[in-house]
Amino acid sequence: MHEETIGSRILYKNNQIIAYNKPAGLPVQSDKTGDQNLLNIVKAFAKKSINVVHRIDRPASGIVLFAKTPVALASLNLQFQERSIQKSYLAIVKNKPEKDADTLTHFLLKNQKQNRSVAYDKEIAHSKKAELSYKLIASSDNYHMLEIDLHSGRHHQIRAQLAAIGSPIKGDAKYGFKRGNQDRSIHLHAWKVQFKHPISGEVETVVAPIPEDSLWQFFAKAAKLETEA
């Protein structure tokens, strides 16, 4: 990834925080593949040590926050723990959910060997409660776009919960979609994040541009999505 491309994907930066628009397929941190990862790319761009505040799945795209100082790291970590950071995602699904808007509550159990989570309606041993809200914001003849607000941050939460209601994300063969996307992405995009600046306390909103593939762009126009805060 060339530096001009790196710079063009920076959505927000100051002396405390960097927000980056991760492309699908790039891991946030080093994984067992040894492939290039976002943390190393952003470190090279920032020319200093930085910390990942949260992660999004490798096949998903969208906003990832990095802390440039210990103060920023502590503040953002606390905001995540208190669930005061608002995160909104966009997902494209083939099967329209029964309800156009709903809040889903499941109990997720992670399978370490398979690197996937299973959603249960009732609590079972070692499971973790997961909650999200979604609303239908646009439809085509074949697909539907959902806007999703996370109320918890569990492993593969959106993917597992949407699969549990019969609406797996387009391309997400791991969670029941009939075939993967050719580029191994899934149609899940971390679209918006809202947080308090660690020094000023002002509320900051960051919005990630919609991916450039034709289906994403169709829905961006159909739903008249904003691309700037």
C-alpha atoms as a PDB file:
ATOM      1  CA  MET A   1       0.000   0.000   0.000  1.00  0.00           C
ATOM      2  CA  HIS A   2       1.557   3.293  -1.144  1.00  0.00           C
ATOM      3  CA  GLU A   3       1.806   6.224   1.237  1.00  0.00           C
ATOM      4  CA  GLU A   4      -0.592   8.399  -0.804  1.00  0.00           C
ATOM      5  CA  THR A   5      -3.182   5.610  -0.518  1.00  0.00           C
ATOM      6  CA  ILE A   6      -2.513   5.318   3.206  1.00  0.00           C
ATOM      7  CA  GLY A   7      -3.008   9.052   3.647  1.00  0.00           C
ATOM      8  CA  SER A   8      -6.216   9.068   1.650  1.00  0.00           C
ATOM      9  CA  ARG A   9      -7.705   6.485   4.023  1.00  0.00           C
ATOM     10  CA  ILE A  10      -7.053   8.544   7.141  1.00  0.00           C
ATOM     11  CA  LEU A  11     -10.509   9.766   8.208  1.00  0.00           C
ATOM     12  CA  TYR A  12      -9.535  11.730  11.321  1.00  0.00           C
ATOM     13  CA  LYS A  13      -6.274  12.591  13.019  1.00  0.00           C
ATOM     14  CA  ASN A  14      -4.836  14.865  15.670  1.00  0.00           C
ATOM     15  CA  ASN A  15      -2.124  14.476  18.286  1.00  0.00           C
ATOM     16  CA  GLN A  16      -4.247  11.955  20.219  1.00  0.00           C
ATOM     17  CA  ILE A  17      -6.145   9.734  17.778  1.00  0.00           C
ATOM     18  CA  ILE A  18      -6.073   8.361  14.236  1.00  0.00           C
ATOM     19  CA  ALA A  19      -9.201   6.936  12.583  1.00  0.00           C
ATOM     20  CA  TYR A  20      -8.507   4.780   9.530  1.00  0.00           C
ATOM     21  CA  ASN A  21     -10.820   3.402   6.840  1.00  0.00           C
ATOM     22  CA  LYS A  22      -9.677  -0.231   6.649  1.00  0.00           C
ATOM     23  CA  PRO A  23     -10.151  -2.005   3.322  1.00  0.00           C
ATOM     24  CA  ALA A  24     -11.746  -5.450   3.380  1.00  0.00           C
ATOM     25  CA  GLY A  25      -9.216  -8.278   3.521  1.00  0.00           C
ATOM     26  CA  LEU A  26      -6.566  -6.488   5.579  1.00  0.00           C
ATOM     27  CA  PRO A  27      -6.128  -7.762   9.163  1.00  0.00           C
ATOM     28  CA  VAL A  28      -6.047  -5.101  11.876  1.00  0.00           C
ATOM     29  CA  GLN A  29      -3.189  -6.844  13.692  1.00  0.00           C
ATOM     30  CA  SER A  30      -0.739  -9.594  12.881  1.00  0.00           C
ATOM     31  CA  ASP A  31      -2.383 -13.002  12.517  1.00  0.00           C
ATOM     32  CA  LYS A  32      -1.262 -16.539  11.743  1.00  0.00           C
ATOM     33  CA  THR A  33      -0.987 -15.768   8.009  1.00  0.00           C
ATOM     34  CA  GLY A  34       1.841 -13.300   8.573  1.00  0.00           C
ATOM     35  CA  ASP A  35       0.230 -10.968   6.008  1.00  0.00           C
ATOM     36  CA  GLN A  36       0.718  -7.214   6.116  1.00  0.00           C
ATOM     37  CA  ASN A  37      -1.511  -5.677   8.781  1.00  0.00           C
ATOM     38  CA  LEU A  38      -3.141  -2.328   9.434  1.00  0.00           C
ATOM     39  CA  LEU A  39      -1.330  -1.619  12.699  1.00  0.00           C
ATOM     40  CA  ASN A  40       2.082  -1.746  11.001  1.00  0.00           C
ATOM     41  CA  ILE A  41       0.852   0.398   8.112  1.00  0.00           C
ATOM     42  CA  VAL A  42      -0.526   3.097  10.410  1.00  0.00           C
ATOM     43  CA  LYS A  43       2.590   2.978  12.631  1.00  0.00           C
ATOM     44  CA  ALA A  44       4.736   3.660   9.570  1.00  0.00           C
ATOM     45  CA  PHE A  45       2.464   6.529   8.547  1.00  0.00           C
ATOM     46  CA  ALA A  46       2.414   8.056  12.045  1.00  0.00           C
ATOM     47  CA  LYS A  47       6.171   7.495  12.511  1.00  0.00           C
ATOM     48  CA  LYS A  48       5.610   6.616  16.156  1.00  0.00           C
ATOM     49  CA  SER A  49       4.293   3.856  18.374  1.00  0.00           C
ATOM     50  CA  ILE A  50       0.503   3.652  18.418  1.00  0.00           C
ATOM     51  CA  ASN A  51      -2.093   1.317  19.944  1.00  0.00           C
ATOM     52  CA  VAL A  52      -5.144  -0.344  18.444  1.00  0.00           C
ATOM     53  CA  VAL A  53      -8.230   0.604  20.459  1.00  0.00           C
ATOM     54  CA  HIS A  54     -10.598  -1.948  18.893  1.00  0.00           C
ATOM     55  CA  ARG A  55     -10.716  -4.296  15.913  1.00  0.00           C
ATOM     56  CA  ILE A  56     -13.034  -5.173  13.054  1.00  0.00           C
ATOM     57  CA  ASP A  57     -13.023  -8.513  11.256  1.00  0.00           C
ATOM     58  CA  ARG A  58     -10.499  -9.053   8.466  1.00  0.00           C
ATOM     59  CA  PRO A  59     -13.114  -9.522   5.680  1.00  0.00           C
ATOM     60  CA  ALA A  60     -15.056  -6.407   6.800  1.00  0.00           C
ATOM     61  CA  SER A  61     -14.211  -2.794   5.956  1.00  0.00           C
ATOM     62  CA  GLY A  62     -14.493   0.525   7.752  1.00  0.00           C
ATOM     63  CA  ILE A  63     -13.384   2.570  10.728  1.00  0.00           C
ATOM     64  CA  VAL A  64     -10.635   1.466  13.099  1.00  0.00           C
ATOM     65  CA  LEU A  65      -9.438   3.777  15.891  1.00  0.00           C
ATOM     66  CA  PHE A  66      -5.815   4.067  17.023  1.00  0.00           C
ATOM     67  CA  ALA A  67      -4.520   5.896  20.102  1.00  0.00           C
ATOM     68  CA  LYS A  68      -1.332   7.931  19.733  1.00  0.00           C
ATOM     69  CA  THR A  69      -0.849   8.634  23.454  1.00  0.00           C
ATOM     70  CA  PRO A  70      -1.390   6.777  26.764  1.00  0.00           C
ATOM     71  CA  VAL A  71      -4.056   9.360  27.683  1.00  0.00           C
ATOM     72  CA  ALA A  72      -6.002   8.674  24.488  1.00  0.00           C
ATOM     73  CA  LEU A  73      -5.667   4.918  24.934  1.00  0.00           C
ATOM     74  CA  ALA A  74      -6.963   5.039  28.519  1.00  0.00           C
ATOM     75  CA  SER A  75      -9.840   7.351  27.587  1.00  0.00           C
ATOM     76  CA  LEU A  76     -11.014   5.351  24.580  1.00  0.00           C
ATOM     77  CA  ASN A  77     -10.652   2.037  26.409  1.00  0.00           C
ATOM     78  CA  LEU A  78     -12.844   3.403  29.201  1.00  0.00           C
ATOM     79  CA  GLN A  79     -15.423   4.661  26.700  1.00  0.00           C
ATOM     80  CA  PHE A  80     -15.568   1.213  25.097  1.00  0.00           C
ATOM     81  CA  GLN A  81     -15.894  -0.469  28.501  1.00  0.00           C
ATOM     82  CA  GLU A  82     -18.726   1.877  29.452  1.00  0.00           C
ATOM     83  CA  ARG A  83     -20.377   1.432  26.027  1.00  0.00           C
ATOM     84  CA  SER A  84     -20.481   5.187  25.573  1.00  0.00           C
ATOM     85  CA  ILE A  85     -18.845   4.951  22.142  1.00  0.00           C
ATOM     86  CA  GLN A  86     -21.520   4.666  19.466  1.00  0.00           C
ATOM     87  CA  LYS A  87     -20.682   2.374  16.542  1.00  0.00           C
ATOM     88  CA  SER A  88     -22.888   1.984  13.484  1.00  0.00           C
ATOM     89  CA  TYR A  89     -22.373  -0.610  10.769  1.00  0.00           C
ATOM     90  CA  LEU A  90     -23.899  -1.291   7.375  1.00  0.00           C
ATOM     91  CA  ALA A  91     -24.584  -4.836   6.210  1.00  0.00           C
ATOM     92  CA  ILE A  92     -25.999  -6.205   2.961  1.00  0.00           C
ATOM     93  CA  VAL A  93     -28.053  -9.396   3.234  1.00  0.00           C
ATOM     94  CA  LYS A  94     -29.945 -11.572   0.761  1.00  0.00           C
ATOM     95  CA  ASN A  95     -32.740 -12.622   3.110  1.00  0.00           C
ATOM     96  CA  LYS A  96     -34.802  -9.757   4.464  1.00  0.00           C
ATOM     97  CA  PRO A  97     -35.375 -10.043   8.239  1.00  0.00           C
ATOM     98  CA  GLU A  98     -38.968 -10.639   9.324  1.00  0.00           C
ATOM     99  CA  LYS A  99     -39.055  -7.237  11.008  1.00  0.00           C
ATOM    100  CA  ASP A 100     -37.869  -4.013   9.345  1.00  0.00           C
ATOM    101  CA  ALA A 101     -36.387  -2.909  12.683  1.00  0.00           C
ATOM    102  CA  ASP A 102     -35.620  -4.845  15.838  1.00  0.00           C
ATOM    103  CA  THR A 103     -33.274  -5.306  18.767  1.00  0.00           C
ATOM    104  CA  LEU A 104     -31.611  -8.720  18.877  1.00  0.00           C
ATOM    105  CA  THR A 105     -30.372 -10.349  22.063  1.00  0.00           C
ATOM    106  CA  HIS A 106     -28.410 -13.581  21.913  1.00  0.00           C
ATOM    107  CA  PHE A 107     -25.798 -15.439  23.918  1.00  0.00           C
ATOM    108  CA  LEU A 108     -22.651 -16.077  21.891  1.00  0.00           C
ATOM    109  CA  LEU A 109     -20.331 -19.008  22.391  1.00  0.00           C
ATOM    110  CA  LYS A 110     -16.973 -18.769  20.623  1.00  0.00           C
ATOM    111  CA  ASN A 111     -15.434 -21.834  19.017  1.00  0.00           C
ATOM    112  CA  GLN A 112     -11.702 -21.163  19.128  1.00  0.00           C
ATOM    113  CA  LYS A 113     -10.729 -23.915  16.675  1.00  0.00           C
ATOM    114  CA  GLN A 114     -13.186 -22.777  14.009  1.00  0.00           C
ATOM    115  CA  ASN A 115     -12.817 -19.065  14.835  1.00  0.00           C
ATOM    116  CA  ARG A 116     -16.554 -18.532  14.792  1.00  0.00           C
ATOM    117  CA  SER A 117     -19.302 -17.793  17.291  1.00  0.00           C
ATOM    118  CA  VAL A 118     -22.665 -19.516  17.672  1.00  0.00           C
ATOM    119  CA  ALA A 119     -25.679 -17.484  18.786  1.00  0.00           C
ATOM    120  CA  TYR A 120     -28.107 -19.033  21.275  1.00  0.00           C
ATOM    121  CA  ASP A 121     -31.482 -17.669  22.367  1.00  0.00           C
ATOM    122  CA  LYS A 122     -30.796 -18.545  25.996  1.00  0.00           C
ATOM    123  CA  GLU A 123     -27.709 -18.322  28.145  1.00  0.00           C
ATOM    124  CA  ILE A 124     -25.512 -21.413  28.180  1.00  0.00           C
ATOM    125  CA  ALA A 125     -22.228 -22.172  29.915  1.00  0.00           C
ATOM    126  CA  HIS A 126     -19.397 -19.815  28.940  1.00  0.00           C
ATOM    127  CA  SER A 127     -21.604 -17.805  26.581  1.00  0.00           C
ATOM    128  CA  LYS A 128     -21.603 -13.990  26.519  1.00  0.00           C
ATOM    129  CA  LYS A 129     -24.626 -11.754  26.097  1.00  0.00           C
ATOM    130  CA  ALA A 130     -24.735  -9.880  22.781  1.00  0.00           C
ATOM    131  CA  GLU A 131     -27.159  -7.159  21.791  1.00  0.00           C
ATOM    132  CA  LEU A 132     -27.617  -5.039  18.672  1.00  0.00           C
ATOM    133  CA  SER A 133     -30.331  -3.011  16.992  1.00  0.00           C
ATOM    134  CA  TYR A 134     -30.912  -2.931  13.257  1.00  0.00           C
ATOM    135  CA  LYS A 135     -33.189  -1.199  10.782  1.00  0.00           C
ATOM    136  CA  LEU A 136     -33.831  -1.815   7.107  1.00  0.00           C
ATOM    137  CA  ILE A 137     -32.721   1.250   5.136  1.00  0.00           C
ATOM    138  CA  ALA A 138     -32.856   0.137   1.479  1.00  0.00           C
ATOM    139  CA  SER A 139     -33.778  -2.817  -0.728  1.00  0.00           C
ATOM    140  CA  SER A 140     -33.135  -3.999  -4.286  1.00  0.00           C
ATOM    141  CA  ASP A 141     -34.700  -6.924  -6.134  1.00  0.00           C
ATOM    142  CA  ASN A 142     -32.141  -9.304  -4.633  1.00  0.00           C
ATOM    143  CA  TYR A 143     -30.580  -7.713  -1.540  1.00  0.00           C
ATOM    144  CA  HIS A 144     -31.327  -5.566   1.487  1.00  0.00           C
ATOM    145  CA  MET A 145     -29.192  -3.074   3.430  1.00  0.00           C
ATOM    146  CA  LEU A 146     -29.356  -2.886   7.208  1.00  0.00           C
ATOM    147  CA  GLU A 147     -28.002  -0.188   9.495  1.00  0.00           C
ATOM    148  CA  ILE A 148     -26.798  -1.762  12.737  1.00  0.00           C
ATOM    149  CA  ASP A 149     -26.003  -0.207  16.109  1.00  0.00           C
ATOM    150  CA  LEU A 150     -23.919  -2.358  18.428  1.00  0.00           C
ATOM    151  CA  HIS A 151     -24.762  -2.387  22.126  1.00  0.00           C
ATOM    152  CA  SER A 152     -22.014  -4.871  22.995  1.00  0.00           C
ATOM    153  CA  GLY A 153     -18.748  -5.896  21.421  1.00  0.00           C
ATOM    154  CA  ARG A 154     -18.526  -9.658  20.998  1.00  0.00           C
ATOM    155  CA  HIS A 155     -16.528 -11.869  18.646  1.00  0.00           C
ATOM    156  CA  HIS A 156     -18.165 -11.867  15.186  1.00  0.00           C
ATOM    157  CA  GLN A 157     -21.290 -10.502  16.846  1.00  0.00           C
ATOM    158  CA  ILE A 158     -23.080  -8.961  13.868  1.00  0.00           C
ATOM    159  CA  ARG A 159     -22.238 -11.894  11.639  1.00  0.00           C
ATOM    160  CA  ALA A 160     -23.462 -14.490  14.143  1.00  0.00           C
ATOM    161  CA  GLN A 161     -26.614 -12.622  15.186  1.00  0.00           C
ATOM    162  CA  LEU A 162     -27.774 -11.891  11.636  1.00  0.00           C
ATOM    163  CA  ALA A 163     -27.113 -15.509  10.688  1.00  0.00           C
ATOM    164  CA  ALA A 164     -29.184 -16.606  13.700  1.00  0.00           C
ATOM    165  CA  ILE A 165     -32.269 -14.798  12.314  1.00  0.00           C
ATOM    166  CA  GLY A 166     -31.750 -16.280   8.841  1.00  0.00           C
ATOM    167  CA  SER A 167     -30.082 -13.229   7.279  1.00  0.00           C
ATOM    168  CA  PRO A 168     -26.365 -13.992   6.882  1.00  0.00           C
ATOM    169  CA  ILE A 169     -24.230 -11.209   5.410  1.00  0.00           C
ATOM    170  CA  LYS A 170     -23.494 -11.360   1.681  1.00  0.00           C
ATOM    171  CA  GLY A 171     -20.242 -13.248   1.091  1.00  0.00           C
ATOM    172  CA  ASP A 172     -20.040 -14.603   4.643  1.00  0.00           C
ATOM    173  CA  ALA A 173     -19.797 -18.327   3.890  1.00  0.00           C
ATOM    174  CA  LYS A 174     -18.518 -18.954   7.442  1.00  0.00           C
ATOM    175  CA  TYR A 175     -21.948 -17.906   8.757  1.00  0.00           C
ATOM    176  CA  GLY A 176     -24.170 -19.568   6.202  1.00  0.00           C
ATOM    177  CA  PHE A 177     -24.202 -17.373   3.091  1.00  0.00           C
ATOM    178  CA  LYS A 178     -24.333 -19.727   0.119  1.00  0.00           C
ATOM    179  CA  ARG A 179     -21.056 -18.556  -1.438  1.00  0.00           C
ATOM    180  CA  GLY A 180     -18.154 -16.274  -0.641  1.00  0.00           C
ATOM    181  CA  ASN A 181     -17.361 -13.055  -2.454  1.00  0.00           C
ATOM    182  CA  GLN A 182     -14.674 -13.399  -5.102  1.00  0.00           C
ATOM    183  CA  ASP A 183     -12.288 -11.120  -3.184  1.00  0.00           C
ATOM    184  CA  ARG A 184     -13.046 -12.955   0.107  1.00  0.00           C
ATOM    185  CA  SER A 185     -14.630  -9.839   1.593  1.00  0.00           C
ATOM    186  CA  ILE A 186     -18.009  -9.747   3.289  1.00  0.00           C
ATOM    187  CA  HIS A 187     -20.535  -6.946   2.857  1.00  0.00           C
ATOM    188  CA  LEU A 188     -20.101  -5.539   6.358  1.00  0.00           C
ATOM    189  CA  HIS A 189     -18.826  -1.977   6.800  1.00  0.00           C
ATOM    190  CA  ALA A 190     -17.983  -0.131  10.038  1.00  0.00           C
ATOM    191  CA  TRP A 191     -19.641   3.079   8.932  1.00  0.00           C
ATOM    192  CA  LYS A 192     -19.788   5.559  11.831  1.00  0.00           C
ATOM    193  CA  VAL A 193     -18.193   5.990  15.216  1.00  0.00           C
ATOM    194  CA  GLN A 194     -18.891   8.656  17.828  1.00  0.00           C
ATOM    195  CA  PHE A 195     -16.618   9.234  20.819  1.00  0.00           C
ATOM    196  CA  LYS A 196     -15.487  11.924  23.235  1.00  0.00           C
ATOM    197  CA  HIS A 197     -12.118  13.549  22.568  1.00  0.00           C
ATOM    198  CA  PRO A 198      -9.826  12.429  25.425  1.00  0.00           C
ATOM    199  CA  ILE A 199      -8.635  15.970  26.180  1.00  0.00           C
ATOM    200  CA  SER A 200     -11.421  18.393  25.237  1.00  0.00           C
ATOM    201  CA  GLY A 201     -14.334  16.068  25.995  1.00  0.00           C
ATOM    202  CA  GLU A 202     -16.047  17.206  22.806  1.00  0.00           C
ATOM    203  CA  VAL A 203     -18.084  14.614  20.935  1.00  0.00           C
ATOM    204  CA  GLU A 204     -16.428  13.645  17.648  1.00  0.00           C
ATOM    205  CA  THR A 205     -18.177  11.785  14.822  1.00  0.00           C
ATOM    206  CA  VAL A 206     -16.250   9.944  12.121  1.00  0.00           C
ATOM    207  CA  VAL A 207     -17.902   8.528   8.987  1.00  0.00           C
ATOM    208  CA  ALA A 208     -16.200   6.104   6.591  1.00  0.00           C
ATOM    209  CA  PRO A 209     -16.893   6.351   2.840  1.00  0.00           C
ATOM    210  CA  ILE A 210     -18.845   3.449   1.393  1.00  0.00           C
ATOM    211  CA  PRO A 211     -16.714   0.806  -0.399  1.00  0.00           C
ATOM    212  CA  GLU A 212     -16.430   1.260  -4.124  1.00  0.00           C
ATOM    213  CA  ASP A 213     -17.888  -2.006  -5.391  1.00  0.00           C
ATOM    214  CA  SER A 214     -21.058  -1.693  -7.447  1.00  0.00           C
ATOM    215  CA  LEU A 215     -23.476  -3.222  -4.921  1.00  0.00           C
ATOM    216  CA  TRP A 216     -22.262  -0.987  -2.093  1.00  0.00           C
ATOM    217  CA  GLN A 217     -22.531   2.049  -4.372  1.00  0.00           C
ATOM    218  CA  PHE A 218     -26.052   1.103  -5.471  1.00  0.00           C
ATOM    219  CA  PHE A 219     -27.197   0.976  -1.870  1.00  0.00           C
ATOM    220  CA  ALA A 220     -25.329   4.157  -0.921  1.00  0.00           C
ATOM    221  CA  LYS A 221     -27.383   5.995  -3.516  1.00  0.00           C
ATOM    222  CA  ALA A 222     -30.626   4.148  -2.746  1.00  0.00           C
ATOM    223  CA  ALA A 223     -30.367   4.947   0.966  1.00  0.00           C
ATOM    224  CA  LYS A 224     -28.921   8.447   0.360  1.00  0.00           C
ATOM    225  CA  LEU A 225     -26.177   7.711   2.821  1.00  0.00           C
ATOM    226  CA  GLU A 226     -24.045  10.483   4.196  1.00  0.00           C
ATOM    227  CA  THR A 227     -20.296  10.056   3.737  1.00  0.00           C
ATOM    228  CA  GLU A 228     -19.186  12.911   5.954  1.00  0.00           C
ATOM    229  CA  ALA A 229     -19.797  13.701   9.604  1.00  0.00           C
END
